[in-house]
């Protein structure tokens, strides 16, 4: 079984640093890159904290559930939103002594899931209705996280991105910033279906109501810092800077800030930036990012609680749970 020293040897960080990161010491400040490298290595080695091992030895494992996801470790590091939800689910399983089988779909198939004899499934990420129906056929105890389905029998846990986007627009208008653009990534399901982003559709609806919507103010790319950098660099090159930009992830926003800083464009004096996710790095950018806290830990824990309740009670009717968000105001928009 892997030890903290094994993780320290592989990452090059001290045992103290590794220990404090893995124990989620809130008083210990390290870079997002360091934290992610340690967590990714711990996952690779299947590290289990000693306290959790002791608990496991005293209790019987009562349930075995599967966590279906399609983000690779490399993708999670560039955009850690899904990683934070996944880790919340894993930690909550350990706390309740639930056996968790991780199912990375590009490496596994639906047939593999069928053969695993699981008590229930949590599907994290974006899935088409066809994929959702296939998962539900494999296991009637299914919870979707960050993917909506109106299916009568399938539980859903979603962040309230619609209200979050409305809050951002209202906040920017209160700052008398009226020319507002939107920078968003495009997500596709494993079977290639491109999905509408509720943040973008809400932005379009709200700006249309204000008679301020302009399709040319919408920019699409990928949910990465590189994509945000490229998009903002092109906007600057064309001389089309607006008063403010809503950016669909902190990762993209970090790239936007890099492009603005390189061109000596002051944020927020010239342009304001607001994003989503509230990853740990967002408070250390220059300037620090105003962002939406998605409460990802609560999303992951709620998904597991729903699944356990569903299994224990054999509930058939779905519950659609919306997790509230919070606007964290920082220097990029003040």
C-alpha atoms as a PDB file:
ATOM      1  CA  UNK A   1       0.000   0.000   0.000  1.00  0.00           C
ATOM      2  CA  UNK A   2       1.406   3.411  -0.993  1.00  0.00           C
ATOM      3  CA  UNK A   3       2.841   5.704   1.686  1.00  0.00           C
ATOM      4  CA  UNK A   4       3.332   9.469   1.853  1.00  0.00           C
ATOM      5  CA  UNK A   5       7.078   8.932   1.297  1.00  0.00           C
ATOM      6  CA  UNK A   6       6.315   7.183  -2.031  1.00  0.00           C
ATOM      7  CA  UNK A   7       4.341  10.217  -3.199  1.00  0.00           C
ATOM      8  CA  UNK A   8       7.087  12.581  -1.995  1.00  0.00           C
ATOM      9  CA  UNK A   9       9.729  10.598  -3.907  1.00  0.00           C
ATOM     10  CA  UNK A  10       7.730  10.681  -7.146  1.00  0.00           C
ATOM     11  CA  UNK A  11       6.727  14.351  -6.981  1.00  0.00           C
ATOM     12  CA  UNK A  12       9.962  15.763  -5.564  1.00  0.00           C
ATOM     13  CA  UNK A  13       8.151  17.561  -2.742  1.00  0.00           C
ATOM     14  CA  UNK A  14       8.901  17.133   0.947  1.00  0.00           C
ATOM     15  CA  UNK A  15       7.013  14.630   3.085  1.00  0.00           C
ATOM     16  CA  UNK A  16       5.635  17.561   5.105  1.00  0.00           C
ATOM     17  CA  UNK A  17       4.283  19.287   1.986  1.00  0.00           C
ATOM     18  CA  UNK A  18       2.689  16.080   0.697  1.00  0.00           C
ATOM     19  CA  UNK A  19       1.174  15.283   4.089  1.00  0.00           C
ATOM     20  CA  UNK A  20      -0.379  18.729   4.557  1.00  0.00           C
ATOM     21  CA  UNK A  21      -1.828  18.783   1.028  1.00  0.00           C
ATOM     22  CA  UNK A  22      -3.332  15.292   1.359  1.00  0.00           C
ATOM     23  CA  UNK A  23      -4.790  16.199   4.741  1.00  0.00           C
ATOM     24  CA  UNK A  24      -6.333  19.328   3.184  1.00  0.00           C
ATOM     25  CA  UNK A  25      -4.652  21.705   5.637  1.00  0.00           C
ATOM     26  CA  UNK A  26      -6.448  25.002   4.989  1.00  0.00           C
ATOM     27  CA  UNK A  27      -3.654  26.999   6.647  1.00  0.00           C
ATOM     28  CA  UNK A  28      -1.029  25.618   4.257  1.00  0.00           C
ATOM     29  CA  UNK A  29      -0.567  27.700   1.090  1.00  0.00           C
ATOM     30  CA  UNK A  30       0.875  25.968  -1.959  1.00  0.00           C
ATOM     31  CA  UNK A  31       0.433  26.602  -5.661  1.00  0.00           C
ATOM     32  CA  UNK A  32      -2.442  24.984  -7.523  1.00  0.00           C
ATOM     33  CA  UNK A  33       0.092  23.167  -9.697  1.00  0.00           C
ATOM     34  CA  UNK A  34       1.792  21.637  -6.646  1.00  0.00           C
ATOM     35  CA  UNK A  35      -1.509  20.576  -5.087  1.00  0.00           C
ATOM     36  CA  UNK A  36      -2.739  18.990  -8.328  1.00  0.00           C
ATOM     37  CA  UNK A  37       0.550  17.135  -8.918  1.00  0.00           C
ATOM     38  CA  UNK A  38       0.432  15.646  -5.418  1.00  0.00           C
ATOM     39  CA  UNK A  39      -3.234  14.659  -5.683  1.00  0.00           C
ATOM     40  CA  UNK A  40      -2.770  13.133  -9.142  1.00  0.00           C
ATOM     41  CA  UNK A  41       0.228  11.095  -7.930  1.00  0.00           C
ATOM     42  CA  UNK A  42      -1.707   9.948  -4.853  1.00  0.00           C
ATOM     43  CA  UNK A  43      -4.522   8.774  -7.092  1.00  0.00           C
ATOM     44  CA  UNK A  44      -2.111   6.967  -9.395  1.00  0.00           C
ATOM     45  CA  UNK A  45      -0.640   5.077  -6.434  1.00  0.00           C
ATOM     46  CA  UNK A  46      -4.111   4.432  -4.931  1.00  0.00           C
ATOM     47  CA  UNK A  47      -3.002   6.116  -1.717  1.00  0.00           C
ATOM     48  CA  UNK A  48      -5.405   5.801   1.246  1.00  0.00           C
ATOM     49  CA  UNK A  49      -4.787   7.959   4.379  1.00  0.00           C
ATOM     50  CA  UNK A  50      -3.864   5.994   7.499  1.00  0.00           C
ATOM     51  CA  UNK A  51      -6.918   7.272   9.372  1.00  0.00           C
ATOM     52  CA  UNK A  52      -9.159   5.994   6.601  1.00  0.00           C
ATOM     53  CA  UNK A  53      -7.375   2.623   6.583  1.00  0.00           C
ATOM     54  CA  UNK A  54      -7.968   2.234  10.323  1.00  0.00           C
ATOM     55  CA  UNK A  55     -11.641   3.025   9.898  1.00  0.00           C
ATOM     56  CA  UNK A  56     -11.904   0.540   7.069  1.00  0.00           C
ATOM     57  CA  UNK A  57     -10.458  -2.219   9.212  1.00  0.00           C
ATOM     58  CA  UNK A  58     -13.165  -1.694  11.840  1.00  0.00           C
ATOM     59  CA  UNK A  59     -16.177  -1.596   9.573  1.00  0.00           C
ATOM     60  CA  UNK A  60     -17.613  -3.838   6.939  1.00  0.00           C
ATOM     61  CA  UNK A  61     -17.963  -2.435   3.455  1.00  0.00           C
ATOM     62  CA  UNK A  62     -21.680  -2.405   2.727  1.00  0.00           C
ATOM     63  CA  UNK A  63     -21.891  -0.963  -0.781  1.00  0.00           C
ATOM     64  CA  UNK A  64     -19.873  -0.982  -3.975  1.00  0.00           C
ATOM     65  CA  UNK A  65     -20.586   1.817  -6.407  1.00  0.00           C
ATOM     66  CA  UNK A  66     -19.074   2.929  -9.695  1.00  0.00           C
ATOM     67  CA  UNK A  67     -17.899   6.440 -10.559  1.00  0.00           C
ATOM     68  CA  UNK A  68     -18.090   6.948 -14.316  1.00  0.00           C
ATOM     69  CA  UNK A  69     -16.053   9.855 -15.698  1.00  0.00           C
ATOM     70  CA  UNK A  70     -14.351  10.840 -18.955  1.00  0.00           C
ATOM     71  CA  UNK A  71     -11.773  13.471 -17.982  1.00  0.00           C
ATOM     72  CA  UNK A  72      -8.183  12.206 -17.936  1.00  0.00           C
ATOM     73  CA  UNK A  73      -5.751  13.263 -15.174  1.00  0.00           C
ATOM     74  CA  UNK A  74      -3.997  15.559 -17.673  1.00  0.00           C
ATOM     75  CA  UNK A  75      -7.313  17.234 -18.557  1.00  0.00           C
ATOM     76  CA  UNK A  76      -8.222  17.583 -14.879  1.00  0.00           C
ATOM     77  CA  UNK A  77      -4.950  19.370 -14.185  1.00  0.00           C
ATOM     78  CA  UNK A  78      -5.575  21.944 -16.945  1.00  0.00           C
ATOM     79  CA  UNK A  79      -9.172  22.442 -15.753  1.00  0.00           C
ATOM     80  CA  UNK A  80      -9.591  21.059 -12.203  1.00  0.00           C
ATOM     81  CA  UNK A  81     -13.369  21.591 -11.918  1.00  0.00           C
ATOM     82  CA  UNK A  82     -14.232  17.915 -12.459  1.00  0.00           C
ATOM     83  CA  UNK A  83     -11.297  16.779 -10.344  1.00  0.00           C
ATOM     84  CA  UNK A  84     -12.645  18.672  -7.332  1.00  0.00           C
ATOM     85  CA  UNK A  85     -16.043  16.969  -7.663  1.00  0.00           C
ATOM     86  CA  UNK A  86     -14.458  13.545  -8.173  1.00  0.00           C
ATOM     87  CA  UNK A  87     -12.227  13.924  -5.122  1.00  0.00           C
ATOM     88  CA  UNK A  88     -15.224  14.996  -3.033  1.00  0.00           C
ATOM     89  CA  UNK A  89     -17.025  11.794  -4.061  1.00  0.00           C
ATOM     90  CA  UNK A  90     -13.959   9.666  -3.300  1.00  0.00           C
ATOM     91  CA  UNK A  91     -13.430  11.252   0.123  1.00  0.00           C
ATOM     92  CA  UNK A  92     -17.114  10.893   1.005  1.00  0.00           C
ATOM     93  CA  UNK A  93     -16.983   7.205   0.042  1.00  0.00           C
ATOM     94  CA  UNK A  94     -13.966   6.652   2.292  1.00  0.00           C
ATOM     95  CA  UNK A  95     -15.695   8.446   5.155  1.00  0.00           C
ATOM     96  CA  UNK A  96     -18.733   6.162   4.861  1.00  0.00           C
ATOM     97  CA  UNK A  97     -16.707   3.027   4.121  1.00  0.00           C
ATOM     98  CA  UNK A  98     -18.170   2.598   0.646  1.00  0.00           C
ATOM     99  CA  UNK A  99     -16.142   0.717  -1.944  1.00  0.00           C
ATOM    100  CA  UNK A 100     -15.677   2.966  -4.993  1.00  0.00           C
ATOM    101  CA  UNK A 101     -14.768   1.595  -8.412  1.00  0.00           C
ATOM    102  CA  UNK A 102     -13.507   4.334 -10.750  1.00  0.00           C
ATOM    103  CA  UNK A 103     -14.528   3.843 -14.375  1.00  0.00           C
ATOM    104  CA  UNK A 104     -12.675   6.009 -16.890  1.00  0.00           C
ATOM    105  CA  UNK A 105     -14.878   5.491 -19.943  1.00  0.00           C
ATOM    106  CA  UNK A 106     -12.280   5.947 -22.677  1.00  0.00           C
ATOM    107  CA  UNK A 107     -10.459   2.984 -21.104  1.00  0.00           C
ATOM    108  CA  UNK A 108     -13.561   0.986 -20.135  1.00  0.00           C
ATOM    109  CA  UNK A 109     -16.716   0.088 -22.049  1.00  0.00           C
ATOM    110  CA  UNK A 110     -20.375  -0.195 -21.122  1.00  0.00           C
ATOM    111  CA  UNK A 111     -19.916  -3.965 -21.221  1.00  0.00           C
ATOM    112  CA  UNK A 112     -17.182  -3.652 -18.584  1.00  0.00           C
ATOM    113  CA  UNK A 113     -19.587  -1.731 -16.334  1.00  0.00           C
ATOM    114  CA  UNK A 114     -22.245  -4.388 -16.799  1.00  0.00           C
ATOM    115  CA  UNK A 115     -19.838  -7.082 -15.583  1.00  0.00           C
ATOM    116  CA  UNK A 116     -18.825  -5.210 -12.399  1.00  0.00           C
ATOM    117  CA  UNK A 117     -21.904  -6.094 -10.304  1.00  0.00           C
ATOM    118  CA  UNK A 118     -22.254  -2.610  -8.795  1.00  0.00           C
ATOM    119  CA  UNK A 119     -24.911  -1.431  -6.344  1.00  0.00           C
ATOM    120  CA  UNK A 120     -25.189   1.914  -8.122  1.00  0.00           C
ATOM    121  CA  UNK A 121     -23.537   4.400 -10.476  1.00  0.00           C
ATOM    122  CA  UNK A 122     -22.521   8.062 -10.321  1.00  0.00           C
ATOM    123  CA  UNK A 123     -21.848   9.538 -13.772  1.00  0.00           C
ATOM    124  CA  UNK A 124     -19.717  12.692 -13.651  1.00  0.00           C
ATOM    125  CA  UNK A 125     -19.472  14.903 -16.728  1.00  0.00           C
ATOM    126  CA  UNK A 126     -21.454  15.447 -19.900  1.00  0.00           C
ATOM    127  CA  UNK A 127     -23.396  12.587 -21.493  1.00  0.00           C
ATOM    128  CA  UNK A 128     -25.876  12.369 -24.363  1.00  0.00           C
ATOM    129  CA  UNK A 129     -29.397  11.095 -23.723  1.00  0.00           C
ATOM    130  CA  UNK A 130     -28.432   7.865 -25.513  1.00  0.00           C
ATOM    131  CA  UNK A 131     -25.453   7.353 -23.195  1.00  0.00           C
ATOM    132  CA  UNK A 132     -27.581   8.197 -20.147  1.00  0.00           C
ATOM    133  CA  UNK A 133     -30.200   5.654 -21.193  1.00  0.00           C
ATOM    134  CA  UNK A 134     -27.516   3.011 -21.661  1.00  0.00           C
ATOM    135  CA  UNK A 135     -26.118   3.682 -18.164  1.00  0.00           C
ATOM    136  CA  UNK A 136     -29.622   3.514 -16.686  1.00  0.00           C
ATOM    137  CA  UNK A 137     -30.227   0.207 -18.446  1.00  0.00           C
ATOM    138  CA  UNK A 138     -27.023  -1.131 -16.883  1.00  0.00           C
ATOM    139  CA  UNK A 139     -27.985   0.067 -13.396  1.00  0.00           C
ATOM    140  CA  UNK A 140     -31.317   1.524 -12.241  1.00  0.00           C
ATOM    141  CA  UNK A 141     -29.560   3.291  -9.339  1.00  0.00           C
ATOM    142  CA  UNK A 142     -27.989   6.169 -11.272  1.00  0.00           C
ATOM    143  CA  UNK A 143     -27.061   9.732 -10.316  1.00  0.00           C
ATOM    144  CA  UNK A 144     -25.802  12.286 -12.838  1.00  0.00           C
ATOM    145  CA  UNK A 145     -23.481  15.078 -11.708  1.00  0.00           C
ATOM    146  CA  UNK A 146     -23.126  18.226 -13.852  1.00  0.00           C
ATOM    147  CA  UNK A 147     -25.290  16.729 -16.588  1.00  0.00           C
ATOM    148  CA  UNK A 148     -29.017  17.363 -16.764  1.00  0.00           C
ATOM    149  CA  UNK A 149     -31.583  14.807 -17.848  1.00  0.00           C
ATOM    150  CA  UNK A 150     -35.358  15.128 -17.580  1.00  0.00           C
ATOM    151  CA  UNK A 151     -35.587  11.325 -17.259  1.00  0.00           C
ATOM    152  CA  UNK A 152     -38.271  10.507 -14.685  1.00  0.00           C
ATOM    153  CA  UNK A 153     -36.166   7.876 -12.890  1.00  0.00           C
ATOM    154  CA  UNK A 154     -32.656   9.390 -12.945  1.00  0.00           C
ATOM    155  CA  UNK A 155     -31.315  11.623 -10.155  1.00  0.00           C
ATOM    156  CA  UNK A 156     -29.415  14.781 -11.104  1.00  0.00           C
ATOM    157  CA  UNK A 157     -27.083  17.115  -9.186  1.00  0.00           C
ATOM    158  CA  UNK A 158     -26.353  20.439 -10.881  1.00  0.00           C
ATOM    159  CA  UNK A 159     -24.841  23.787  -9.894  1.00  0.00           C
ATOM    160  CA  UNK A 160     -27.257  26.669 -10.396  1.00  0.00           C
ATOM    161  CA  UNK A 161     -25.385  28.149 -13.362  1.00  0.00           C
ATOM    162  CA  UNK A 162     -28.445  29.994 -14.645  1.00  0.00           C
ATOM    163  CA  UNK A 163     -28.797  32.126 -11.520  1.00  0.00           C
ATOM    164  CA  UNK A 164     -25.010  32.467 -11.284  1.00  0.00           C
ATOM    165  CA  UNK A 165     -24.872  34.018 -14.749  1.00  0.00           C
ATOM    166  CA  UNK A 166     -27.746  36.351 -13.942  1.00  0.00           C
ATOM    167  CA  UNK A 167     -25.892  37.428 -10.791  1.00  0.00           C
ATOM    168  CA  UNK A 168     -22.744  38.198 -12.786  1.00  0.00           C
ATOM    169  CA  UNK A 169     -24.606  40.315 -15.341  1.00  0.00           C
ATOM    170  CA  UNK A 170     -26.480  42.187 -12.611  1.00  0.00           C
ATOM    171  CA  UNK A 171     -23.220  42.848 -10.763  1.00  0.00           C
ATOM    172  CA  UNK A 172     -21.520  44.179 -13.909  1.00  0.00           C
ATOM    173  CA  UNK A 173     -24.463  46.438 -14.703  1.00  0.00           C
ATOM    174  CA  UNK A 174     -24.312  47.816 -11.151  1.00  0.00           C
ATOM    175  CA  UNK A 175     -20.685  48.719 -11.921  1.00  0.00           C
ATOM    176  CA  UNK A 176     -22.045  50.586 -14.999  1.00  0.00           C
ATOM    177  CA  UNK A 177     -20.303  48.160 -17.350  1.00  0.00           C
ATOM    178  CA  UNK A 178     -22.727  47.655 -20.227  1.00  0.00           C
ATOM    179  CA  UNK A 179     -20.610  46.209 -23.047  1.00  0.00           C
ATOM    180  CA  UNK A 180     -20.260  42.627 -21.834  1.00  0.00           C
ATOM    181  CA  UNK A 181     -18.767  39.767 -23.835  1.00  0.00           C
ATOM    182  CA  UNK A 182     -18.795  36.020 -23.184  1.00  0.00           C
ATOM    183  CA  UNK A 183     -15.906  33.568 -23.604  1.00  0.00           C
ATOM    184  CA  UNK A 184     -16.884  29.905 -23.396  1.00  0.00           C
ATOM    185  CA  UNK A 185     -15.542  26.419 -24.002  1.00  0.00           C
ATOM    186  CA  UNK A 186     -17.281  23.781 -26.085  1.00  0.00           C
ATOM    187  CA  UNK A 187     -17.961  20.389 -24.552  1.00  0.00           C
ATOM    188  CA  UNK A 188     -18.864  17.209 -26.408  1.00  0.00           C
ATOM    189  CA  UNK A 189     -20.176  13.887 -25.204  1.00  0.00           C
ATOM    190  CA  UNK A 190     -18.210  10.708 -25.806  1.00  0.00           C
ATOM    191  CA  UNK A 191     -20.428   9.933 -28.786  1.00  0.00           C
ATOM    192  CA  UNK A 192     -19.614  13.312 -30.325  1.00  0.00           C
ATOM    193  CA  UNK A 193     -22.707  15.360 -29.542  1.00  0.00           C
ATOM    194  CA  UNK A 194     -22.005  19.036 -28.921  1.00  0.00           C
ATOM    195  CA  UNK A 195     -23.837  20.388 -25.879  1.00  0.00           C
ATOM    196  CA  UNK A 196     -25.383  23.799 -25.260  1.00  0.00           C
ATOM    197  CA  UNK A 197     -23.818  25.567 -22.283  1.00  0.00           C
ATOM    198  CA  UNK A 198     -26.433  26.928 -19.873  1.00  0.00           C
ATOM    199  CA  UNK A 199     -24.105  29.797 -18.959  1.00  0.00           C
ATOM    200  CA  UNK A 200     -23.953  30.890 -22.568  1.00  0.00           C
ATOM    201  CA  UNK A 201     -27.675  30.468 -23.251  1.00  0.00           C
ATOM    202  CA  UNK A 202     -28.499  32.434 -20.082  1.00  0.00           C
ATOM    203  CA  UNK A 203     -26.103  35.192 -21.145  1.00  0.00           C
ATOM    204  CA  UNK A 204     -27.754  35.374 -24.570  1.00  0.00           C
ATOM    205  CA  UNK A 205     -31.240  35.505 -23.053  1.00  0.00           C
ATOM    206  CA  UNK A 206     -30.367  38.147 -20.471  1.00  0.00           C
ATOM    207  CA  UNK A 207     -28.462  40.386 -22.884  1.00  0.00           C
ATOM    208  CA  UNK A 208     -31.288  40.048 -25.417  1.00  0.00           C
ATOM    209  CA  UNK A 209     -33.782  41.221 -22.795  1.00  0.00           C
ATOM    210  CA  UNK A 210     -31.534  44.233 -22.244  1.00  0.00           C
ATOM    211  CA  UNK A 211     -31.378  44.761 -26.035  1.00  0.00           C
ATOM    212  CA  UNK A 212     -27.588  44.507 -25.742  1.00  0.00           C
ATOM    213  CA  UNK A 213     -26.862  41.123 -27.303  1.00  0.00           C
ATOM    214  CA  UNK A 214     -24.351  41.019 -30.151  1.00  0.00           C
ATOM    215  CA  UNK A 215     -23.281  37.650 -31.558  1.00  0.00           C
ATOM    216  CA  UNK A 216     -19.838  39.116 -32.292  1.00  0.00           C
ATOM    217  CA  UNK A 217     -19.248  39.448 -28.544  1.00  0.00           C
ATOM    218  CA  UNK A 218     -19.377  35.664 -28.059  1.00  0.00           C
ATOM    219  CA  UNK A 219     -16.141  33.670 -28.398  1.00  0.00           C
ATOM    220  CA  UNK A 220     -15.907  29.872 -28.307  1.00  0.00           C
ATOM    221  CA  UNK A 221     -12.879  27.692 -27.612  1.00  0.00           C
ATOM    222  CA  UNK A 222     -11.829  25.010 -25.139  1.00  0.00           C
ATOM    223  CA  UNK A 223     -11.935  24.982 -21.339  1.00  0.00           C
ATOM    224  CA  UNK A 224      -8.179  25.552 -21.028  1.00  0.00           C
ATOM    225  CA  UNK A 225      -5.861  28.434 -20.166  1.00  0.00           C
ATOM    226  CA  UNK A 226      -4.263  28.170 -23.625  1.00  0.00           C
ATOM    227  CA  UNK A 227      -7.629  28.669 -25.304  1.00  0.00           C
ATOM    228  CA  UNK A 228      -8.470  31.657 -23.113  1.00  0.00           C
ATOM    229  CA  UNK A 229      -5.074  33.168 -23.939  1.00  0.00           C
ATOM    230  CA  UNK A 230      -5.559  32.690 -27.681  1.00  0.00           C
ATOM    231  CA  UNK A 231      -9.078  34.146 -27.670  1.00  0.00           C
ATOM    232  CA  UNK A 232      -8.134  37.229 -25.651  1.00  0.00           C
ATOM    233  CA  UNK A 233      -4.973  37.771 -27.715  1.00  0.00           C
ATOM    234  CA  UNK A 234      -7.105  37.830 -30.872  1.00  0.00           C
ATOM    235  CA  UNK A 235      -9.604  40.262 -29.300  1.00  0.00           C
ATOM    236  CA  UNK A 236      -6.735  42.587 -28.352  1.00  0.00           C
ATOM    237  CA  UNK A 237      -5.177  42.270 -31.810  1.00  0.00           C
ATOM    238  CA  UNK A 238      -8.452  43.291 -33.450  1.00  0.00           C
ATOM    239  CA  UNK A 239      -8.918  46.216 -31.056  1.00  0.00           C
ATOM    240  CA  UNK A 240     -12.347  44.968 -29.953  1.00  0.00           C
ATOM    241  CA  UNK A 241     -12.051  45.063 -26.171  1.00  0.00           C
ATOM    242  CA  UNK A 242     -15.367  45.501 -24.359  1.00  0.00           C
ATOM    243  CA  UNK A 243     -16.028  46.791 -20.827  1.00  0.00           C
ATOM    244  CA  UNK A 244     -16.111  43.291 -19.349  1.00  0.00           C
ATOM    245  CA  UNK A 245     -15.961  39.592 -20.197  1.00  0.00           C
ATOM    246  CA  UNK A 246     -17.710  36.690 -18.531  1.00  0.00           C
ATOM    247  CA  UNK A 247     -15.403  33.685 -18.921  1.00  0.00           C
ATOM    248  CA  UNK A 248     -16.892  30.201 -18.487  1.00  0.00           C
ATOM    249  CA  UNK A 249     -14.060  28.758 -16.368  1.00  0.00           C
ATOM    250  CA  UNK A 250     -11.206  29.974 -14.164  1.00  0.00           C
ATOM    251  CA  UNK A 251      -8.755  28.091 -16.370  1.00  0.00           C
ATOM    252  CA  UNK A 252      -9.829  30.078 -19.450  1.00  0.00           C
ATOM    253  CA  UNK A 253      -9.841  33.308 -17.425  1.00  0.00           C
ATOM    254  CA  UNK A 254      -6.248  32.732 -16.298  1.00  0.00           C
ATOM    255  CA  UNK A 255      -5.266  32.576 -19.978  1.00  0.00           C
ATOM    256  CA  UNK A 256      -7.224  35.782 -20.647  1.00  0.00           C
ATOM    257  CA  UNK A 257      -5.404  37.579 -17.826  1.00  0.00           C
ATOM    258  CA  UNK A 258      -2.038  36.458 -19.205  1.00  0.00           C
ATOM    259  CA  UNK A 259      -2.844  37.968 -22.615  1.00  0.00           C
ATOM    260  CA  UNK A 260      -4.055  41.229 -21.058  1.00  0.00           C
ATOM    261  CA  UNK A 261      -1.007  41.491 -18.784  1.00  0.00           C
ATOM    262  CA  UNK A 262       1.378  40.865 -21.686  1.00  0.00           C
ATOM    263  CA  UNK A 263      -0.246  43.747 -23.571  1.00  0.00           C
ATOM    264  CA  UNK A 264      -0.130  46.059 -20.547  1.00  0.00           C
ATOM    265  CA  UNK A 265      -3.915  46.316 -20.420  1.00  0.00           C
ATOM    266  CA  UNK A 266      -4.993  47.076 -16.877  1.00  0.00           C
ATOM    267  CA  UNK A 267      -7.602  44.860 -15.240  1.00  0.00           C
ATOM    268  CA  UNK A 268     -10.108  46.086 -14.125  1.00  0.00           C
ATOM    269  CA  UNK A 269      -9.307  49.703 -15.118  1.00  0.00           C
ATOM    270  CA  UNK A 270      -9.734  48.971 -18.836  1.00  0.00           C
ATOM    271  CA  UNK A 271     -11.599  45.669 -18.822  1.00  0.00           C
ATOM    272  CA  UNK A 272     -13.160  43.525 -16.067  1.00  0.00           C
ATOM    273  CA  UNK A 273     -12.990  39.722 -15.964  1.00  0.00           C
ATOM    274  CA  UNK A 274     -15.383  37.396 -14.115  1.00  0.00           C
ATOM    275  CA  UNK A 275     -15.278  33.597 -14.333  1.00  0.00           C
ATOM    276  CA  UNK A 276     -16.631  30.388 -12.801  1.00  0.00           C
ATOM    277  CA  UNK A 277     -15.270  27.572 -10.536  1.00  0.00           C
ATOM    278  CA  UNK A 278     -13.294  29.371  -7.800  1.00  0.00           C
ATOM    279  CA  UNK A 279     -10.315  27.016  -8.047  1.00  0.00           C
ATOM    280  CA  UNK A 280      -7.626  27.646  -5.421  1.00  0.00           C
ATOM    281  CA  UNK A 281      -5.349  29.399  -7.933  1.00  0.00           C
ATOM    282  CA  UNK A 282      -7.982  32.064  -8.720  1.00  0.00           C
ATOM    283  CA  UNK A 283      -7.152  34.056  -5.585  1.00  0.00           C
ATOM    284  CA  UNK A 284      -3.462  34.245  -6.523  1.00  0.00           C
ATOM    285  CA  UNK A 285      -3.719  35.511 -10.112  1.00  0.00           C
ATOM    286  CA  UNK A 286      -2.752  39.089 -10.978  1.00  0.00           C
ATOM    287  CA  UNK A 287      -5.185  40.596 -10.357  1.00  0.00           C
ATOM    288  CA  UNK A 288      -7.107  38.033  -8.312  1.00  0.00           C
ATOM    289  CA  UNK A 289     -10.165  36.644 -10.098  1.00  0.00           C
ATOM    290  CA  UNK A 290     -13.751  37.500  -9.365  1.00  0.00           C
ATOM    291  CA  UNK A 291     -15.416  34.129  -9.802  1.00  0.00           C
ATOM    292  CA  UNK A 292     -18.415  31.943  -9.057  1.00  0.00           C
ATOM    293  CA  UNK A 293     -17.921  29.431  -6.249  1.00  0.00           C
ATOM    294  CA  UNK A 294     -19.613  26.271  -7.555  1.00  0.00           C
ATOM    295  CA  UNK A 295     -19.589  24.428  -4.211  1.00  0.00           C
ATOM    296  CA  UNK A 296     -18.089  21.369  -5.916  1.00  0.00           C
ATOM    297  CA  UNK A 297     -17.446  19.557  -2.627  1.00  0.00           C
ATOM    298  CA  UNK A 298     -21.128  19.803  -1.796  1.00  0.00           C
ATOM    299  CA  UNK A 299     -22.034  18.626  -5.305  1.00  0.00           C
ATOM    300  CA  UNK A 300     -19.965  15.452  -4.932  1.00  0.00           C
ATOM    301  CA  UNK A 301     -21.191  14.687  -1.417  1.00  0.00           C
ATOM    302  CA  UNK A 302     -24.819  15.293  -2.400  1.00  0.00           C
ATOM    303  CA  UNK A 303     -24.495  12.901  -5.345  1.00  0.00           C
ATOM    304  CA  UNK A 304     -23.257  10.101  -3.100  1.00  0.00           C
ATOM    305  CA  UNK A 305     -25.898  10.794  -0.442  1.00  0.00           C
ATOM    306  CA  UNK A 306     -28.625  10.644  -3.091  1.00  0.00           C
ATOM    307  CA  UNK A 307     -27.306   7.365  -4.456  1.00  0.00           C
ATOM    308  CA  UNK A 308     -27.056   5.695  -1.028  1.00  0.00           C
ATOM    309  CA  UNK A 309     -30.572   6.842  -0.113  1.00  0.00           C
ATOM    310  CA  UNK A 310     -31.887   5.592  -3.430  1.00  0.00           C
ATOM    311  CA  UNK A 311     -30.240   2.174  -3.020  1.00  0.00           C
ATOM    312  CA  UNK A 312     -31.354   1.737   0.594  1.00  0.00           C
ATOM    313  CA  UNK A 313     -34.965   2.730  -0.102  1.00  0.00           C
ATOM    314  CA  UNK A 314     -35.166   1.344  -3.645  1.00  0.00           C
ATOM    315  CA  UNK A 315     -36.584   4.704  -4.695  1.00  0.00           C
ATOM    316  CA  UNK A 316     -37.727   4.939  -8.329  1.00  0.00           C
ATOM    317  CA  UNK A 317     -38.849   8.565  -8.741  1.00  0.00           C
ATOM    318  CA  UNK A 318     -35.941  10.895  -9.447  1.00  0.00           C
ATOM    319  CA  UNK A 319     -34.734  13.868  -7.449  1.00  0.00           C
ATOM    320  CA  UNK A 320     -33.287  16.856  -9.331  1.00  0.00           C
ATOM    321  CA  UNK A 321     -31.047  18.766  -6.938  1.00  0.00           C
ATOM    322  CA  UNK A 322     -29.778  22.269  -7.726  1.00  0.00           C
ATOM    323  CA  UNK A 323     -26.754  23.416  -5.704  1.00  0.00           C
ATOM    324  CA  UNK A 324     -26.608  27.185  -5.092  1.00  0.00           C
ATOM    325  CA  UNK A 325     -23.551  29.194  -6.142  1.00  0.00           C
ATOM    326  CA  UNK A 326     -21.882  32.279  -4.743  1.00  0.00           C
ATOM    327  CA  UNK A 327     -20.173  35.239  -6.427  1.00  0.00           C
ATOM    328  CA  UNK A 328     -16.706  35.795  -4.942  1.00  0.00           C
ATOM    329  CA  UNK A 329     -15.753  39.421  -5.613  1.00  0.00           C
ATOM    330  CA  UNK A 330     -12.049  40.046  -6.128  1.00  0.00           C
ATOM    331  CA  UNK A 331      -9.753  42.547  -7.827  1.00  0.00           C
ATOM    332  CA  UNK A 332     -10.449  41.610 -11.473  1.00  0.00           C
ATOM    333  CA  UNK A 333     -13.820  43.398 -11.348  1.00  0.00           C
ATOM    334  CA  UNK A 334     -13.675  45.878  -8.430  1.00  0.00           C
END
